[in-house]
Amino acid sequence: MNTLLIGKGDQQVHLNLKYANRHGLIAGATGTGKTVSLMSLAEGFSRQGVPVFITDVKGDISGLAMAGTPSEKLLQRAAQIGIEDYHNEANPVVLWDLAGIQGHPLRTTISEMGPTLLSRILELNDTQSGILDIVFQLADDQGLLLLDLDDLRAMLALVAEERKDVSAKYGLISAQSLAAIQRSVLGLERDGGKDFFGEPALQLEDLMRTNLQGRGIINLLAANKLILTPRLYSSFLLWLLSELFENLPEVGDPEKPKLVFFIDEAHLLFEGCPPSLLKRVEQIMRLIRSKGVGVYFCSQFPDDVPGEILGQLGNRIQHALRAYTPRDQKAVKTAAETFVPNPKLVVSEVISQLGVGEALVSMLADKGVPTMVERALIAPPRCRMGPATSEELHQVRAQSPIGGKYDHSINRESAYELLNQRRTGVATSNPTSTASDTANDGQTGQKAEEQGWFSELIFGNKRRQGLAETLSKQAARTVGSQLGKQILRGILGGMLGKSSRR
């Protein structure tokens, strides 16, 4: 059957895989068992051949890669719930890490991230975000690839050098705002952004793999250090969801999801999120399910998720909430109101009485209708309910089927290299003022001799100035306005074969 056993109350509670792409929520106070519920769901999807992506914020989900330890308590719980084939086993896991330390490097390029999300990471204001849009447009117009932070920094330096020309074409750029962006880029590099941006960039199909036995691969992102930079963490998640939304084909309502996405500490995704970006997240959540992707948020309180998105989460597992403070009491009320009432339960009271490993559960049933809330014992996972050791994780990474693809970075020619070549070429073709006038005169004479009488007439030689130089000097004296001088510099620059940009 295409169902996952979640637990048992008066009867067994199942998640129908046909509606698993309708998203979900796992909530509860610290220490009530929501991490174990996440692990149980993840390995259930894996056994059904559904790939999974999980952000491991605290480092305690890595036990998915290891078989659990048999115990009488777990066997009794499995028997009580009605799990007939319960046995301990490991899951196929691929480890990822933006820094490339605890897993394969997970990278994207500056261009793929785009100016909107990059502005959020850099914490730019509206004016600075507009300048970043100009930087991206200028790179596109000049055919320059933006792959890593070196490329972005080189483009910012180019804009600083040619600020007046760029401002005239694209819009006013202030030196102060440009400097603020450069400082933010430096801070991002210090926070680990240098490792995140580059190549080879992540290919989405590598998150949607199955092993030779047909089990879905569980992709585990080590986020215990990434969480220290919440803006980078949340922007990465938004980028990945956007990539899935924009690149996966429409599949309608498949028999089972193509990918299930678990976001731990979900409140970080929405804190400080500007309204325009929040609207984008809401749009993705509404439409990504038709791409066969289910998104499950894990957080302490249901109202950590904005109401517009909370209403789209059809599958709910609510662990205990302790109503110690007014904030907690409000969260209990919110949680109780989001469930379909059960005449046998007073949800607002039961939610504070749940024990560890118990939860209020409501899943989507036939035709996508949510079931009545049920107080249930959650099915125990078969993996280790605790973190794997560093040695075990090293072995898991060594056995990964995609390690050779991402573990070594590539630095191909892009904006940084091309702009450096331009500067080197300009320095070579334009001698500095320290060169002797005699040498310059000799080069001018040689050029005149090579190009013949027409070149001598236009450019002159070492004894006589040419027509172009005469007109240039006379025009500069007679044109009084700065605009007139700029126009003449452009015309004469074309005659002399030189760029009008300085």
Protein backbone atom coordinates (compact mmCIF):
# COMPACT_ATOMS: atom_id res chain seq x y z
CA MET A 1 0.00 0.00 0.00
CA ASN A 2 1.14 3.57 -0.73
CA THR A 3 0.85 4.66 2.87
CA LEU A 4 3.16 5.40 5.78
CA LEU A 5 2.28 4.26 9.28
CA ILE A 6 2.55 7.33 11.51
CA GLY A 7 1.34 5.85 14.80
CA LYS A 8 -1.69 4.56 16.62
CA GLY A 9 -4.42 6.06 18.77
CA ASP A 10 -7.77 4.33 18.87
CA GLN A 11 -6.71 3.00 15.48
CA GLN A 12 -3.66 3.20 13.25
CA VAL A 13 -2.94 6.55 11.61
CA HIS A 14 -1.49 6.51 8.10
CA LEU A 15 -0.18 9.10 5.68
CA ASN A 16 -1.46 8.50 2.16
CA LEU A 17 1.50 9.04 -0.19
CA LYS A 18 -0.87 10.42 -2.82
CA TYR A 19 -1.35 13.46 -0.56
CA ALA A 20 2.14 13.66 0.87
CA ASN A 21 2.93 16.47 -1.56
CA ARG A 22 0.26 18.61 0.18
CA HIS A 23 2.93 19.64 2.69
CA GLY A 24 2.98 19.24 6.45
CA LEU A 25 3.98 20.47 9.90
CA ILE A 26 5.79 18.85 12.81
CA ALA A 27 5.61 21.06 15.90
CA GLY A 28 6.24 20.75 19.61
CA ALA A 29 8.28 22.01 22.52
CA THR A 30 11.91 21.00 22.94
CA GLY A 31 12.29 17.43 24.18
CA THR A 32 8.81 16.23 23.26
CA GLY A 33 9.91 13.98 20.38
CA LYS A 34 9.42 15.99 17.19
CA THR A 35 12.92 15.10 15.93
CA VAL A 36 12.11 11.39 16.31
CA SER A 37 8.87 11.94 14.40
CA LEU A 38 10.87 13.62 11.63
CA MET A 39 13.28 10.68 11.48
CA SER A 40 10.43 8.15 11.42
CA LEU A 41 8.73 10.00 8.55
CA ALA A 42 11.97 10.40 6.61
CA GLU A 43 12.91 6.73 6.70
CA GLY A 44 9.30 5.80 5.90
CA PHE A 45 9.48 7.87 2.73
CA SER A 46 12.86 6.34 1.91
CA ARG A 47 11.47 2.79 2.20
CA GLN A 48 8.75 3.77 -0.24
CA GLY A 49 11.35 4.94 -2.79
CA VAL A 50 10.87 8.67 -2.17
CA PRO A 51 14.07 10.78 -1.92
CA VAL A 52 14.28 13.13 1.05
CA PHE A 53 16.16 16.34 1.84
CA ILE A 54 16.61 17.36 5.50
CA THR A 55 18.36 20.26 7.18
CA ASP A 56 20.10 18.92 10.30
CA VAL A 57 20.32 21.98 12.53
CA LYS A 58 21.40 20.31 15.78
CA GLY A 59 23.41 17.41 14.34
CA ASP A 60 21.13 14.79 15.92
CA ILE A 61 19.48 13.57 12.71
CA SER A 62 22.67 11.98 11.38
CA GLY A 63 21.65 8.77 13.15
CA LEU A 64 19.51 8.05 10.07
CA ALA A 65 22.66 6.65 8.49
CA MET A 66 23.15 4.08 11.28
CA ALA A 67 21.09 1.08 12.38
CA GLY A 68 19.42 1.48 15.75
CA THR A 69 20.18 -0.59 18.82
CA PRO A 70 17.62 -3.34 19.58
CA SER A 71 15.78 -2.86 22.84
CA GLU A 72 12.81 -4.45 24.55
CA LYS A 73 11.15 -1.07 24.95
CA LEU A 74 11.20 -0.37 21.21
CA LEU A 75 9.94 -3.87 20.39
CA GLN A 76 7.03 -3.44 22.81
CA ARG A 77 6.16 -0.05 21.33
CA ALA A 78 6.29 -1.45 17.79
CA ALA A 79 4.03 -4.33 18.79
CA GLN A 80 1.62 -1.94 20.53
CA ILE A 81 1.33 0.16 17.37
CA GLY A 82 1.01 -2.93 15.18
CA ILE A 83 4.31 -2.85 13.23
CA GLU A 84 4.76 -6.45 12.17
CA ASP A 85 8.18 -6.36 10.48
CA TYR A 86 9.98 -4.00 12.86
CA HIS A 87 13.76 -4.42 12.88
CA ASN A 88 16.70 -2.06 13.16
CA GLU A 89 18.36 -0.92 9.94
CA ALA A 90 20.35 1.97 8.48
CA ASN A 91 19.12 4.24 5.70
CA PRO A 92 20.91 5.27 2.49
CA VAL A 93 22.24 8.75 3.33
CA VAL A 94 24.25 11.34 1.39
CA LEU A 95 25.86 14.06 3.50
CA TRP A 96 26.02 17.70 2.38
CA ASP A 97 27.61 20.77 3.88
CA LEU A 98 27.81 24.28 2.44
CA ALA A 99 31.34 24.54 3.84
CA GLY A 100 32.33 21.09 2.52
CA ILE A 101 33.56 19.94 5.95
CA GLN A 102 30.88 17.54 7.22
CA GLY A 103 29.66 16.51 3.79
CA HIS A 104 29.94 17.12 0.07
CA PRO A 105 30.15 20.83 -0.79
CA LEU A 106 26.77 22.18 -1.82
CA ARG A 107 27.31 25.13 -4.13
CA THR A 108 25.46 27.48 -6.39
CA THR A 109 26.64 30.38 -8.51
CA ILE A 110 26.06 34.09 -7.97
CA SER A 111 24.00 34.21 -11.19
CA GLU A 112 21.76 31.33 -10.12
CA MET A 113 21.16 32.89 -6.71
CA GLY A 114 20.06 36.13 -8.38
CA PRO A 115 20.05 39.70 -7.06
CA THR A 116 16.88 39.40 -4.96
CA LEU A 117 18.00 36.57 -2.69
CA LEU A 118 21.57 37.82 -2.71
CA SER A 119 20.34 41.19 -1.43
CA ARG A 120 18.61 39.37 1.42
CA ILE A 121 21.79 37.49 2.33
CA LEU A 122 23.80 40.73 2.26
CA GLU A 123 21.07 42.55 4.24
CA LEU A 124 20.92 45.41 1.75
CA ASN A 125 18.41 48.24 1.82
CA ASP A 126 16.24 49.14 -1.18
CA THR A 127 18.78 51.57 -2.64
CA GLN A 128 21.65 49.10 -2.33
CA SER A 129 19.48 46.30 -3.77
CA GLY A 130 18.84 48.51 -6.79
CA ILE A 131 22.57 48.94 -7.31
CA LEU A 132 23.04 45.17 -7.11
CA ASP A 133 20.41 44.82 -9.86
CA ILE A 134 22.53 47.18 -11.97
CA VAL A 135 25.65 45.09 -11.32
CA PHE A 136 23.87 41.96 -12.57
CA GLN A 137 22.51 43.78 -15.63
CA LEU A 138 25.94 45.21 -16.45
CA ALA A 139 27.47 41.73 -16.24
CA ASP A 140 24.80 40.38 -18.60
CA ASP A 141 25.32 43.22 -21.07
CA GLN A 142 29.08 42.64 -21.14
CA GLY A 143 28.83 38.85 -21.31
CA LEU A 144 30.56 38.31 -17.95
CA LEU A 145 29.77 35.22 -15.88
CA LEU A 146 29.10 35.73 -12.17
CA LEU A 147 30.05 32.44 -10.55
CA ASP A 148 31.72 33.16 -7.22
CA LEU A 149 32.37 36.02 -4.81
CA ASP A 150 35.57 36.98 -6.66
CA ASP A 151 33.45 37.67 -9.74
CA LEU A 152 30.98 39.76 -7.75
CA ARG A 153 33.78 41.71 -6.13
CA ALA A 154 35.41 42.34 -9.51
CA MET A 155 32.13 43.67 -10.93
CA LEU A 156 31.68 45.96 -7.94
CA ALA A 157 35.22 47.28 -8.50
CA LEU A 158 34.43 47.87 -12.18
CA VAL A 159 31.31 49.84 -11.27
CA ALA A 160 33.32 51.87 -8.76
CA GLU A 161 35.95 52.69 -11.40
CA GLU A 162 33.40 53.64 -14.06
CA ARG A 163 30.68 54.93 -11.75
CA LYS A 164 29.87 58.05 -13.76
CA ASP A 165 29.50 56.19 -17.05
CA VAL A 166 27.48 53.38 -15.46
CA SER A 167 25.26 55.86 -13.62
CA ALA A 168 24.56 57.69 -16.87
CA LYS A 169 23.40 54.48 -18.55
CA TYR A 170 21.74 52.47 -15.77
CA GLY A 171 20.86 54.94 -13.00
CA LEU A 172 22.55 56.89 -10.24
CA ILE A 173 25.05 54.93 -8.15
CA SER A 174 26.38 56.56 -5.00
CA ALA A 175 29.87 55.78 -3.79
CA GLN A 176 28.55 55.31 -0.23
CA SER A 177 26.00 52.65 -1.22
CA LEU A 178 28.54 50.87 -3.37
CA ALA A 179 31.00 50.79 -0.49
CA ALA A 180 28.30 49.38 1.81
CA ILE A 181 27.68 46.52 -0.63
CA GLN A 182 31.40 45.78 -0.80
CA ARG A 183 31.58 45.62 3.00
CA SER A 184 28.59 43.26 3.08
CA VAL A 185 30.26 40.98 0.54
CA LEU A 186 33.34 40.89 2.77
CA GLY A 187 31.16 39.90 5.73
CA LEU A 188 29.45 37.17 3.69
CA GLU A 189 32.84 35.77 2.73
CA ARG A 190 33.85 35.73 6.38
CA ASP A 191 30.65 33.85 7.29
CA GLY A 192 31.37 31.05 4.83
CA GLY A 193 29.77 32.39 1.67
CA LYS A 194 32.99 31.91 -0.29
CA ASP A 195 32.52 28.14 -0.04
CA PHE A 196 28.85 28.30 -1.04
CA PHE A 197 29.30 30.21 -4.30
CA GLY A 198 31.22 28.48 -7.07
CA GLU A 199 31.29 25.42 -9.26
CA PRO A 200 30.43 22.64 -9.75
CA ALA A 201 26.97 23.89 -8.83
CA LEU A 202 24.35 21.55 -7.43
CA GLN A 203 22.31 19.61 -9.97
CA LEU A 204 18.80 18.96 -8.68
CA GLU A 205 18.69 15.40 -9.98
CA ASP A 206 21.40 14.50 -7.46
CA LEU A 207 18.90 15.24 -4.67
CA MET A 208 16.31 12.94 -6.24
CA ARG A 209 18.13 9.62 -6.41
CA THR A 210 17.32 6.09 -5.31
CA ASN A 211 19.77 3.33 -4.50
CA LEU A 212 20.06 -0.05 -6.21
CA GLN A 213 17.41 -1.51 -3.88
CA GLY A 214 14.92 1.19 -4.89
CA ARG A 215 15.07 3.09 -1.60
CA GLY A 216 15.00 6.86 -1.71
CA ILE A 217 18.27 8.55 -0.79
CA ILE A 218 18.08 10.75 2.32
CA ASN A 219 20.08 13.92 1.69
CA LEU A 220 21.26 15.35 4.99
CA LEU A 221 22.50 18.94 5.11
CA ALA A 222 24.78 19.67 8.07
CA ALA A 223 23.38 23.02 9.25
CA ASN A 224 24.71 23.21 12.81
CA LYS A 225 27.19 25.92 11.78
CA LEU A 226 25.08 27.37 8.99
CA ILE A 227 22.38 28.16 11.54
CA LEU A 228 24.76 30.70 13.13
CA THR A 229 24.19 32.86 10.01
CA PRO A 230 20.37 32.79 9.79
CA ARG A 231 20.22 34.99 6.70
CA LEU A 232 22.43 32.63 4.72
CA TYR A 233 20.49 29.61 6.03
CA SER A 234 17.07 30.99 5.14
CA SER A 235 18.18 32.40 1.79
CA PHE A 236 19.74 29.06 0.83
CA LEU A 237 16.46 27.28 1.58
CA LEU A 238 14.47 29.84 -0.40
CA TRP A 239 16.89 29.47 -3.30
CA LEU A 240 16.62 25.68 -3.28
CA LEU A 241 12.82 25.76 -3.17
CA SER A 242 12.82 28.29 -6.01
CA GLU A 243 15.12 26.07 -8.08
CA LEU A 244 12.84 23.08 -7.56
CA PHE A 245 9.79 25.14 -8.45
CA GLU A 246 11.30 26.65 -11.59
CA ASN A 247 13.03 23.57 -13.00
CA LEU A 248 10.85 20.55 -12.23
CA PRO A 249 8.09 19.63 -14.70
CA GLU A 250 4.41 19.61 -13.80
CA VAL A 251 3.22 16.17 -12.70
CA GLY A 252 -0.14 17.00 -11.09
CA ASP A 253 -0.93 14.65 -8.18
CA PRO A 254 1.45 11.67 -8.48
CA GLU A 255 0.96 8.42 -6.60
CA LYS A 256 3.90 9.40 -4.42
CA PRO A 257 6.11 12.50 -4.21
CA LYS A 258 9.25 12.95 -6.28
CA LEU A 259 10.96 14.60 -3.29
CA VAL A 260 10.08 15.43 0.30
CA PHE A 261 11.75 18.47 1.84
CA PHE A 262 12.07 18.83 5.65
CA ILE A 263 12.97 22.28 7.01
CA ASP A 264 14.09 22.27 10.65
CA GLU A 265 13.88 25.46 12.75
CA ALA A 266 11.41 26.79 10.22
CA HIS A 267 10.93 30.11 12.05
CA LEU A 268 14.34 31.20 10.74
CA LEU A 269 12.98 31.02 7.22
CA PHE A 270 10.43 33.74 7.95
CA GLU A 271 12.09 36.02 10.50
CA GLY A 272 12.77 39.41 8.92
CA CYS A 273 11.44 38.17 5.59
CA PRO A 274 10.32 41.19 3.53
CA PRO A 275 6.70 41.08 2.27
CA SER A 276 7.74 40.65 -1.37
CA LEU A 277 9.86 37.60 -0.51
CA LEU A 278 7.16 36.17 1.78
CA LYS A 279 4.71 36.43 -1.09
CA ARG A 280 7.18 34.52 -3.25
CA VAL A 281 7.39 31.73 -0.63
CA GLU A 282 3.60 31.57 -0.46
CA GLN A 283 3.42 31.27 -4.24
CA ILE A 284 6.01 28.48 -4.27
CA MET A 285 4.16 26.57 -1.56
CA ARG A 286 0.91 26.79 -3.48
CA LEU A 287 2.35 25.59 -6.77
CA ILE A 288 5.31 23.34 -5.94
CA ARG A 289 3.06 20.47 -4.92
CA SER A 290 2.08 20.07 -8.58
CA LYS A 291 5.79 19.47 -9.24
CA GLY A 292 5.63 16.45 -6.92
CA VAL A 293 7.47 18.08 -4.01
CA GLY A 294 6.17 18.01 -0.43
CA VAL A 295 7.53 20.51 2.10
CA TYR A 296 7.39 19.77 5.83
CA PHE A 297 8.18 22.47 8.37
CA CYS A 298 9.54 21.60 11.80
CA SER A 299 9.35 24.18 14.55
CA GLN A 300 8.33 24.63 18.17
CA PHE A 301 5.11 26.56 17.60
CA PRO A 302 2.60 26.34 14.75
CA ASP A 303 2.42 30.13 14.51
CA ASP A 304 6.15 30.24 13.67
CA VAL A 305 4.82 29.67 10.15
CA PRO A 306 2.86 32.60 8.63
CA GLY A 307 -0.88 32.04 8.39
CA GLU A 308 -0.95 32.16 4.59
CA ILE A 309 1.43 29.21 4.49
CA LEU A 310 0.18 27.41 7.59
CA GLY A 311 -3.21 27.00 5.92
CA GLN A 312 -1.56 24.97 3.12
CA LEU A 313 -0.02 22.37 5.46
CA GLY A 314 -2.46 19.48 5.29
CA ASN A 315 -0.55 16.81 7.28
CA ARG A 316 -0.01 17.69 10.95
CA ILE A 317 1.92 16.12 13.82
CA GLN A 318 1.64 18.23 16.97
CA HIS A 319 3.70 17.25 20.01
CA ALA A 320 3.24 18.71 23.47
CA LEU A 321 3.23 22.44 24.14
CA ARG A 322 3.70 23.72 27.68
CA ALA A 323 1.48 26.73 28.43
CA TYR A 324 3.80 28.48 30.88
CA THR A 325 3.69 31.96 29.39
CA PRO A 326 1.13 34.09 27.50
CA ARG A 327 3.10 33.30 24.33
CA ASP A 328 2.77 29.58 25.02
CA GLN A 329 -0.95 29.88 25.80
CA LYS A 330 -1.54 31.67 22.50
CA ALA A 331 0.41 28.95 20.66
CA VAL A 332 -1.71 26.23 22.31
CA LYS A 333 -4.89 27.99 21.21
CA THR A 334 -3.57 28.40 17.66
CA ALA A 335 -2.58 24.73 17.47
CA ALA A 336 -5.96 23.57 18.76
CA GLU A 337 -7.84 25.67 16.21
CA THR A 338 -5.94 24.23 13.26
CA PHE A 339 -7.21 20.66 13.79
CA VAL A 340 -10.47 19.10 12.69
CA PRO A 341 -12.31 18.65 16.02
CA ASN A 342 -12.67 15.22 17.57
CA PRO A 343 -15.64 14.90 19.96
CA LYS A 344 -13.56 12.54 22.11
CA LEU A 345 -10.78 15.12 22.66
CA VAL A 346 -10.52 18.60 24.11
CA VAL A 347 -7.46 19.52 22.06
CA SER A 348 -6.57 22.68 24.02
CA GLU A 349 -6.26 20.55 27.18
CA VAL A 350 -4.72 17.41 25.70
CA ILE A 351 -1.97 19.30 23.90
CA SER A 352 -0.37 20.20 27.25
CA GLN A 353 -0.71 16.65 28.61
CA LEU A 354 1.02 14.70 25.85
CA GLY A 355 3.98 12.57 26.89
CA VAL A 356 7.26 12.16 25.02
CA GLY A 357 6.61 10.22 21.82
CA GLU A 358 2.92 11.11 21.80
CA ALA A 359 1.33 13.58 19.41
CA LEU A 360 -1.92 14.90 18.06
CA VAL A 361 -2.06 13.71 14.45
CA SER A 362 -4.23 14.65 11.49
CA MET A 363 -3.48 13.48 7.94
CA LEU A 364 -5.16 14.04 4.60
CA ALA A 365 -7.42 11.15 3.68
CA ASP A 366 -9.47 10.38 0.54
CA LYS A 367 -10.05 13.39 -1.74
CA GLY A 368 -7.57 15.40 0.33
CA VAL A 369 -9.92 15.85 3.29
CA PRO A 370 -8.14 16.06 6.68
CA THR A 371 -9.03 13.42 9.23
CA MET A 372 -10.21 14.18 12.75
CA VAL A 373 -7.37 14.82 15.13
CA GLU A 374 -6.16 11.68 16.90
CA ARG A 375 -4.02 11.29 20.01
CA ALA A 376 -1.42 8.76 18.92
CA LEU A 377 1.78 6.99 19.88
CA ILE A 378 4.33 7.78 17.16
CA ALA A 379 5.96 4.83 15.39
CA PRO A 380 9.62 4.46 16.39
CA PRO A 381 12.26 4.80 13.68
CA ARG A 382 14.46 1.82 12.84
CA CYS A 383 17.63 3.88 12.70
CA ARG A 384 19.69 5.20 15.58
CA MET A 385 17.84 7.81 17.64
CA GLY A 386 20.91 9.92 18.19
CA PRO A 387 23.83 11.38 16.25
CA ALA A 388 26.39 9.31 14.36
CA THR A 389 30.04 9.66 15.36
CA SER A 390 32.48 11.62 13.22
CA GLU A 391 34.21 8.37 12.21
CA GLU A 392 30.91 6.85 11.10
CA LEU A 393 30.02 9.96 9.11
CA HIS A 394 33.43 9.91 7.45
CA GLN A 395 32.76 6.33 6.33
CA VAL A 396 29.30 7.29 5.01
CA ARG A 397 30.81 10.11 3.00
CA ALA A 398 33.55 7.86 1.61
CA GLN A 399 30.90 5.46 0.27
CA SER A 400 28.82 8.20 -1.36
CA PRO A 401 27.98 7.66 -5.05
CA ILE A 402 28.45 11.34 -5.94
CA GLY A 403 31.56 12.33 -3.97
CA GLY A 404 33.84 12.62 -6.97
CA LYS A 405 31.42 15.01 -8.64
CA TYR A 406 31.37 17.76 -6.02
CA ASP A 407 34.35 17.35 -3.69
CA HIS A 408 36.77 19.26 -5.94
CA SER A 409 35.95 22.82 -6.96
CA ILE A 410 36.30 24.21 -10.48
CA ASN A 411 37.37 27.77 -11.22
CA ARG A 412 36.70 28.48 -14.89
CA GLU A 413 37.14 31.78 -16.67
CA SER A 414 34.52 34.27 -15.53
CA ALA A 415 34.14 37.97 -14.65
CA TYR A 416 37.13 38.10 -12.29
CA GLU A 417 39.58 36.61 -14.80
CA LEU A 418 38.25 38.53 -17.82
CA LEU A 419 38.30 41.89 -16.07
CA ASN A 420 41.85 41.25 -14.89
CA GLN A 421 42.83 40.49 -18.49
CA ARG A 422 41.25 43.75 -19.62
CA ARG A 423 43.17 45.75 -17.05
CA THR A 424 46.41 44.03 -18.02
CA GLY A 425 45.76 44.74 -21.70
CA VAL A 426 45.02 48.42 -21.04
CA ALA A 427 48.17 48.78 -18.98
CA THR A 428 50.22 47.28 -21.82
CA SER A 429 48.73 49.37 -24.63
CA ASN A 430 48.75 52.69 -22.70
CA PRO A 431 52.27 53.56 -21.45
CA THR A 432 52.47 55.44 -18.18
CA SER A 433 53.48 59.05 -17.89
CA THR A 434 56.93 58.00 -16.72
CA ALA A 435 57.85 56.83 -20.26
CA SER A 436 60.12 59.30 -22.12
CA ASP A 437 58.66 61.72 -24.66
CA THR A 438 61.37 60.67 -27.12
CA ALA A 439 60.16 57.07 -27.06
CA ASN A 440 56.55 58.19 -27.61
CA ASP A 441 57.59 60.38 -30.56
CA GLY A 442 59.52 57.49 -32.06
CA GLN A 443 56.46 55.20 -31.80
CA THR A 444 54.26 57.86 -33.40
CA GLY A 445 56.68 58.32 -36.29
CA GLN A 446 56.95 54.61 -36.87
CA LYS A 447 53.16 54.28 -36.91
CA ALA A 448 52.89 57.11 -39.46
CA GLU A 449 55.48 55.52 -41.74
CA GLU A 450 53.69 52.17 -41.64
CA GLN A 451 50.24 53.58 -42.37
CA GLY A 452 51.30 55.89 -45.24
CA TRP A 453 50.39 59.39 -46.22
CA PHE A 454 46.74 59.13 -45.13
CA SER A 455 47.71 58.09 -41.63
CA GLU A 456 50.28 60.91 -41.52
CA LEU A 457 47.61 63.40 -42.55
CA ILE A 458 45.19 62.24 -39.84
CA PHE A 459 47.59 61.39 -36.98
CA GLY A 460 50.65 63.55 -37.84
CA ASN A 461 54.25 62.58 -37.18
CA LYS A 462 57.05 63.54 -34.82
CA ARG A 463 57.60 66.90 -36.57
CA ARG A 464 54.03 67.90 -37.31
CA GLN A 465 50.67 67.43 -35.59
CA GLY A 466 47.90 65.71 -37.52
CA LEU A 467 44.47 66.89 -38.55
CA ALA A 468 42.69 64.99 -35.77
CA GLU A 469 44.90 66.51 -33.08
CA THR A 470 44.42 70.01 -34.52
CA LEU A 471 40.64 69.66 -34.56
CA SER A 472 40.63 68.20 -31.07
CA LYS A 473 42.57 71.09 -29.58
CA GLN A 474 40.52 73.72 -31.39
CA ALA A 475 37.22 72.09 -30.43
CA ALA A 476 38.24 71.85 -26.78
CA ARG A 477 38.96 75.58 -26.74
CA THR A 478 35.76 76.62 -28.49
CA VAL A 479 33.22 74.35 -26.81
CA GLY A 480 32.30 75.87 -23.48
CA SER A 481 29.85 73.36 -22.03
CA GLN A 482 30.85 70.08 -20.42
CA LEU A 483 28.22 68.27 -22.48
CA GLY A 484 29.77 69.55 -25.72
CA LYS A 485 33.18 68.31 -24.67
CA GLN A 486 31.79 64.83 -23.89
CA ILE A 487 30.11 64.65 -27.32
CA LEU A 488 33.30 65.68 -29.12
CA ARG A 489 35.37 63.22 -27.11
CA GLY A 490 33.03 60.50 -28.29
CA ILE A 491 33.25 61.56 -31.97
CA LEU A 492 37.00 62.06 -32.00
CA GLY A 493 37.55 58.96 -29.95
CA GLY A 494 35.90 56.97 -32.73
CA MET A 495 38.16 58.63 -35.33
CA LEU A 496 41.29 57.93 -33.34
CA GLY A 497 40.30 54.32 -32.59
CA LYS A 498 40.14 54.90 -28.82
CA SER A 499 37.39 54.22 -26.30
CA SER A 500 35.37 57.20 -25.15
CA ARG A 501 35.06 55.67 -21.64
CA ARG A 502 37.64 56.60 -19.01
